[in-house]
Amino acid sequence: RVHRQGVMRLATAKDEILVQQERKVQENPTYGALVMLARVITRLGSLNSVSPELLEGLLLHDIAYLREFYNRINQQGDVHIPAQCPHCNTQFSVELELAGES
């Protein structure tokens, strides 16, 4: 199944804490990336919920893309996200102002 659109929110400190409390993450720390992605991806294609188990089934380059996108939106500094107008399909770039920036 191909998912071309989705929504990812910024991670919170609570997300970090809850990920570290997961049993699977304690047994295998690399699993934390999937748990975190599942927490912050609020929509993937037509899916309104994403689980770590669902992400396990994605191709590695898809996971790499999601991790890179996660890192990009959660870093400090300028973040430019590609966007498209839903009415006229014009493509443009949106600069996100991250918390803590002045």
N, C-alpha and C. Protein backbone atom coordinates (compact mmCIF):
# COMPACT_ATOMS: atom_id res chain seq x y z
N ARG A 1 0.85 -1.18 0.00
CA ARG A 1 0.00 0.00 0.00
C ARG A 1 0.89 1.24 0.00
N VAL A 2 0.60 2.16 -0.88
CA VAL A 2 1.39 3.39 -1.00
C VAL A 2 0.65 4.53 -0.30
N HIS A 3 1.37 5.22 0.58
CA HIS A 3 0.82 6.39 1.28
C HIS A 3 1.60 7.60 0.79
N ARG A 4 0.92 8.53 0.15
CA ARG A 4 1.59 9.70 -0.41
C ARG A 4 1.40 10.95 0.44
N GLN A 5 0.49 10.91 1.39
CA GLN A 5 0.23 12.07 2.23
C GLN A 5 0.12 11.63 3.68
N GLY A 6 0.39 12.55 4.56
CA GLY A 6 0.26 12.26 5.98
C GLY A 6 0.43 13.51 6.80
N VAL A 7 0.27 13.35 8.10
CA VAL A 7 0.41 14.47 9.03
C VAL A 7 1.29 14.00 10.18
N MET A 8 2.28 14.82 10.50
CA MET A 8 3.17 14.53 11.63
C MET A 8 3.22 15.78 12.50
N ARG A 9 3.04 15.58 13.80
CA ARG A 9 3.12 16.71 14.73
C ARG A 9 4.51 16.75 15.36
N LEU A 10 4.81 17.89 15.99
CA LEU A 10 6.07 18.01 16.71
C LEU A 10 6.06 17.11 17.94
N ALA A 11 7.19 16.55 18.27
CA ALA A 11 7.32 15.70 19.45
C ALA A 11 7.38 16.55 20.71
N THR A 12 6.91 15.97 21.80
CA THR A 12 6.94 16.65 23.09
C THR A 12 7.86 15.88 24.05
N ALA A 13 8.16 16.50 25.17
CA ALA A 13 8.94 15.81 26.20
C ALA A 13 8.19 14.58 26.70
N LYS A 14 6.88 14.68 26.78
CA LYS A 14 6.07 13.53 27.21
C LYS A 14 6.24 12.37 26.24
N ASP A 15 6.30 12.66 24.95
CA ASP A 15 6.53 11.59 23.96
C ASP A 15 7.83 10.86 24.27
N GLU A 16 8.88 11.62 24.52
CA GLU A 16 10.19 11.03 24.82
C GLU A 16 10.11 10.13 26.05
N ILE A 17 9.44 10.60 27.08
CA ILE A 17 9.32 9.83 28.32
C ILE A 17 8.54 8.54 28.09
N LEU A 18 7.40 8.65 27.42
CA LEU A 18 6.55 7.48 27.19
C LEU A 18 7.23 6.45 26.30
N VAL A 19 7.99 6.91 25.32
CA VAL A 19 8.72 5.98 24.45
C VAL A 19 9.71 5.17 25.29
N GLN A 20 10.43 5.84 26.18
CA GLN A 20 11.43 5.15 27.00
C GLN A 20 10.80 4.17 27.99
N GLN A 21 9.53 4.35 28.30
CA GLN A 21 8.85 3.45 29.24
C GLN A 21 8.31 2.19 28.56
N GLU A 22 8.27 2.18 27.23
CA GLU A 22 7.76 1.02 26.50
C GLU A 22 8.66 -0.19 26.72
N ARG A 23 8.04 -1.34 27.01
CA ARG A 23 8.79 -2.57 27.24
C ARG A 23 9.64 -2.95 26.05
N LYS A 24 9.09 -2.88 24.83
CA LYS A 24 9.85 -3.25 23.64
C LYS A 24 11.07 -2.35 23.44
N VAL A 25 10.95 -1.09 23.82
CA VAL A 25 12.06 -0.15 23.68
C VAL A 25 13.14 -0.47 24.72
N GLN A 26 12.72 -0.85 25.91
CA GLN A 26 13.69 -1.22 26.94
C GLN A 26 14.46 -2.47 26.54
N GLU A 27 13.79 -3.40 25.85
CA GLU A 27 14.44 -4.62 25.38
C GLU A 27 15.31 -4.37 24.15
N ASN A 28 14.87 -3.44 23.30
CA ASN A 28 15.57 -3.14 22.05
C ASN A 28 15.48 -1.64 21.79
N PRO A 29 16.47 -0.85 22.23
CA PRO A 29 16.41 0.61 22.11
C PRO A 29 16.19 1.12 20.69
N THR A 30 16.62 0.40 19.67
CA THR A 30 16.40 0.87 18.30
C THR A 30 14.92 0.88 17.92
N TYR A 31 14.12 0.11 18.64
CA TYR A 31 12.67 0.09 18.39
C TYR A 31 12.03 1.42 18.79
N GLY A 32 12.74 2.21 19.57
CA GLY A 32 12.22 3.50 20.01
C GLY A 32 11.87 4.43 18.86
N ALA A 33 12.61 4.33 17.77
CA ALA A 33 12.32 5.19 16.61
C ALA A 33 10.93 4.89 16.06
N LEU A 34 10.57 3.61 15.98
CA LEU A 34 9.24 3.26 15.47
C LEU A 34 8.14 3.69 16.44
N VAL A 35 8.39 3.53 17.73
CA VAL A 35 7.40 3.93 18.72
C VAL A 35 7.20 5.45 18.67
N MET A 36 8.29 6.19 18.56
CA MET A 36 8.18 7.65 18.49
C MET A 36 7.44 8.07 17.22
N LEU A 37 7.81 7.49 16.08
CA LEU A 37 7.12 7.84 14.84
C LEU A 37 5.63 7.54 14.95
N ALA A 38 5.28 6.41 15.53
CA ALA A 38 3.87 6.06 15.68
C ALA A 38 3.14 7.08 16.56
N ARG A 39 3.83 7.65 17.52
CA ARG A 39 3.21 8.66 18.39
C ARG A 39 2.98 9.98 17.66
N VAL A 40 3.92 10.38 16.81
CA VAL A 40 3.83 11.72 16.22
C VAL A 40 3.16 11.74 14.84
N ILE A 41 3.05 10.60 14.18
CA ILE A 41 2.32 10.55 12.90
C ILE A 41 0.85 10.44 13.23
N THR A 42 0.10 11.50 12.93
CA THR A 42 -1.32 11.52 13.27
C THR A 42 -2.20 11.04 12.13
N ARG A 43 -1.63 10.98 10.94
CA ARG A 43 -2.35 10.43 9.79
C ARG A 43 -1.33 9.98 8.76
N LEU A 44 -1.58 8.83 8.16
CA LEU A 44 -0.73 8.32 7.09
C LEU A 44 -1.65 7.80 6.00
N GLY A 45 -1.73 8.57 4.90
CA GLY A 45 -2.68 8.22 3.85
C GLY A 45 -4.09 8.29 4.41
N SER A 46 -4.85 7.20 4.27
CA SER A 46 -6.22 7.17 4.78
C SER A 46 -6.29 6.67 6.22
N LEU A 47 -5.15 6.33 6.80
CA LEU A 47 -5.12 5.80 8.17
C LEU A 47 -5.08 6.93 9.19
N ASN A 48 -5.98 6.88 10.15
CA ASN A 48 -6.02 7.90 11.20
C ASN A 48 -5.26 7.50 12.45
N SER A 49 -4.74 6.29 12.46
CA SER A 49 -3.89 5.88 13.57
C SER A 49 -2.76 5.02 13.01
N VAL A 50 -1.60 5.19 13.60
CA VAL A 50 -0.40 4.49 13.14
C VAL A 50 0.22 3.80 14.35
N SER A 51 0.52 2.53 14.21
CA SER A 51 1.14 1.78 15.30
C SER A 51 2.57 1.41 14.91
N PRO A 52 3.40 1.10 15.90
CA PRO A 52 4.75 0.63 15.58
C PRO A 52 4.71 -0.63 14.70
N GLU A 53 3.71 -1.48 14.95
CA GLU A 53 3.58 -2.71 14.16
C GLU A 53 3.30 -2.40 12.69
N LEU A 54 2.49 -1.39 12.44
CA LEU A 54 2.24 -0.97 11.06
C LEU A 54 3.53 -0.48 10.41
N LEU A 55 4.28 0.33 11.14
CA LEU A 55 5.53 0.87 10.61
C LEU A 55 6.56 -0.22 10.34
N GLU A 56 6.52 -1.31 11.11
CA GLU A 56 7.43 -2.44 10.89
C GLU A 56 7.30 -2.99 9.48
N GLY A 57 6.12 -2.86 8.89
CA GLY A 57 5.88 -3.40 7.56
C GLY A 57 6.30 -2.49 6.42
N LEU A 58 6.72 -1.27 6.73
CA LEU A 58 7.13 -0.34 5.67
C LEU A 58 8.53 -0.69 5.18
N LEU A 59 8.82 -0.28 3.96
CA LEU A 59 10.16 -0.46 3.41
C LEU A 59 11.15 0.42 4.17
N LEU A 60 12.40 0.00 4.21
CA LEU A 60 13.42 0.75 4.95
C LEU A 60 13.57 2.18 4.46
N HIS A 61 13.49 2.40 3.14
CA HIS A 61 13.65 3.78 2.66
C HIS A 61 12.45 4.65 3.06
N ASP A 62 11.29 4.04 3.25
CA ASP A 62 10.13 4.80 3.74
C ASP A 62 10.34 5.21 5.20
N ILE A 63 10.85 4.28 6.01
CA ILE A 63 11.16 4.60 7.41
C ILE A 63 12.24 5.67 7.47
N ALA A 64 13.24 5.56 6.61
CA ALA A 64 14.32 6.56 6.58
C ALA A 64 13.75 7.94 6.26
N TYR A 65 12.82 8.01 5.31
CA TYR A 65 12.19 9.28 4.96
C TYR A 65 11.43 9.85 6.16
N LEU A 66 10.64 9.01 6.83
CA LEU A 66 9.87 9.47 7.98
C LEU A 66 10.78 9.94 9.11
N ARG A 67 11.88 9.23 9.34
CA ARG A 67 12.82 9.64 10.38
C ARG A 67 13.49 10.96 10.03
N GLU A 68 13.86 11.13 8.76
CA GLU A 68 14.47 12.38 8.32
C GLU A 68 13.49 13.54 8.48
N PHE A 69 12.24 13.31 8.09
CA PHE A 69 11.22 14.34 8.23
C PHE A 69 11.01 14.68 9.71
N TYR A 70 10.95 13.67 10.56
CA TYR A 70 10.82 13.88 12.00
C TYR A 70 11.98 14.74 12.51
N ASN A 71 13.19 14.38 12.13
CA ASN A 71 14.37 15.14 12.57
C ASN A 71 14.32 16.57 12.08
N ARG A 72 13.87 16.75 10.85
CA ARG A 72 13.83 18.09 10.26
C ARG A 72 12.84 18.99 11.00
N ILE A 73 11.66 18.49 11.30
CA ILE A 73 10.66 19.37 11.93
C ILE A 73 10.90 19.54 13.43
N ASN A 74 11.67 18.66 14.04
CA ASN A 74 11.92 18.77 15.48
C ASN A 74 13.25 19.43 15.82
N GLN A 75 14.03 19.78 14.81
CA GLN A 75 15.31 20.45 15.07
C GLN A 75 15.08 21.93 15.34
N GLN A 76 16.07 22.58 15.92
CA GLN A 76 16.03 24.03 16.08
C GLN A 76 16.58 24.66 14.81
N GLY A 77 16.00 25.74 14.40
CA GLY A 77 16.47 26.43 13.20
C GLY A 77 15.37 26.52 12.16
N ASP A 78 15.74 26.99 10.99
CA ASP A 78 14.77 27.16 9.91
C ASP A 78 14.36 25.80 9.35
N VAL A 79 13.07 25.65 9.16
CA VAL A 79 12.55 24.43 8.57
C VAL A 79 11.60 24.84 7.44
N HIS A 80 11.92 24.42 6.24
CA HIS A 80 11.07 24.69 5.09
C HIS A 80 10.41 23.39 4.67
N ILE A 81 9.09 23.40 4.62
CA ILE A 81 8.32 22.21 4.30
C ILE A 81 7.63 22.43 2.96
N PRO A 82 7.77 21.47 2.03
CA PRO A 82 7.04 21.61 0.77
C PRO A 82 5.54 21.52 1.03
N ALA A 83 4.78 22.35 0.36
CA ALA A 83 3.33 22.37 0.52
C ALA A 83 2.67 22.54 -0.84
N GLN A 84 1.38 22.24 -0.89
CA GLN A 84 0.63 22.38 -2.13
C GLN A 84 -0.76 22.90 -1.79
N CYS A 85 -1.19 23.92 -2.53
CA CYS A 85 -2.52 24.48 -2.33
C CYS A 85 -3.57 23.44 -2.74
N PRO A 86 -4.53 23.14 -1.86
CA PRO A 86 -5.54 22.14 -2.21
C PRO A 86 -6.54 22.62 -3.26
N HIS A 87 -6.58 23.93 -3.49
CA HIS A 87 -7.54 24.48 -4.44
C HIS A 87 -6.97 24.59 -5.85
N CYS A 88 -5.74 25.13 -5.98
CA CYS A 88 -5.17 25.36 -7.32
C CYS A 88 -3.96 24.48 -7.61
N ASN A 89 -3.55 23.66 -6.63
CA ASN A 89 -2.41 22.74 -6.78
C ASN A 89 -1.06 23.43 -6.95
N THR A 90 -0.99 24.74 -6.66
CA THR A 90 0.29 25.44 -6.73
C THR A 90 1.20 24.91 -5.62
N GLN A 91 2.45 24.60 -5.99
CA GLN A 91 3.41 24.11 -5.01
C GLN A 91 4.25 25.27 -4.51
N PHE A 92 4.54 25.26 -3.20
CA PHE A 92 5.33 26.32 -2.59
C PHE A 92 5.99 25.76 -1.34
N SER A 93 6.81 26.58 -0.69
CA SER A 93 7.52 26.17 0.51
C SER A 93 7.02 26.99 1.69
N VAL A 94 6.79 26.33 2.81
CA VAL A 94 6.33 27.00 4.02
C VAL A 94 7.44 26.90 5.05
N GLU A 95 7.79 28.03 5.66
CA GLU A 95 8.79 28.02 6.73
C GLU A 95 8.09 27.86 8.06
N LEU A 96 8.43 26.81 8.78
CA LEU A 96 7.86 26.60 10.10
C LEU A 96 8.69 27.35 11.12
N GLU A 97 8.02 28.04 12.01
CA GLU A 97 8.71 28.70 13.12
C GLU A 97 8.56 27.77 14.31
N LEU A 98 9.66 27.23 14.76
CA LEU A 98 9.63 26.25 15.83
C LEU A 98 9.61 26.92 17.19
N ALA A 99 9.04 26.23 18.17
CA ALA A 99 9.00 26.74 19.53
C ALA A 99 10.40 27.04 20.01
N GLY A 100 10.56 28.15 20.69
CA GLY A 100 11.87 28.52 21.21
C GLY A 100 12.63 29.46 20.29
N GLU A 101 12.12 29.68 19.09
CA GLU A 101 12.79 30.62 18.18
C GLU A 101 12.32 32.02 18.49
N SER A 102 13.17 33.00 18.20
CA SER A 102 12.75 34.39 18.40
C SER A 102 12.86 35.14 17.11
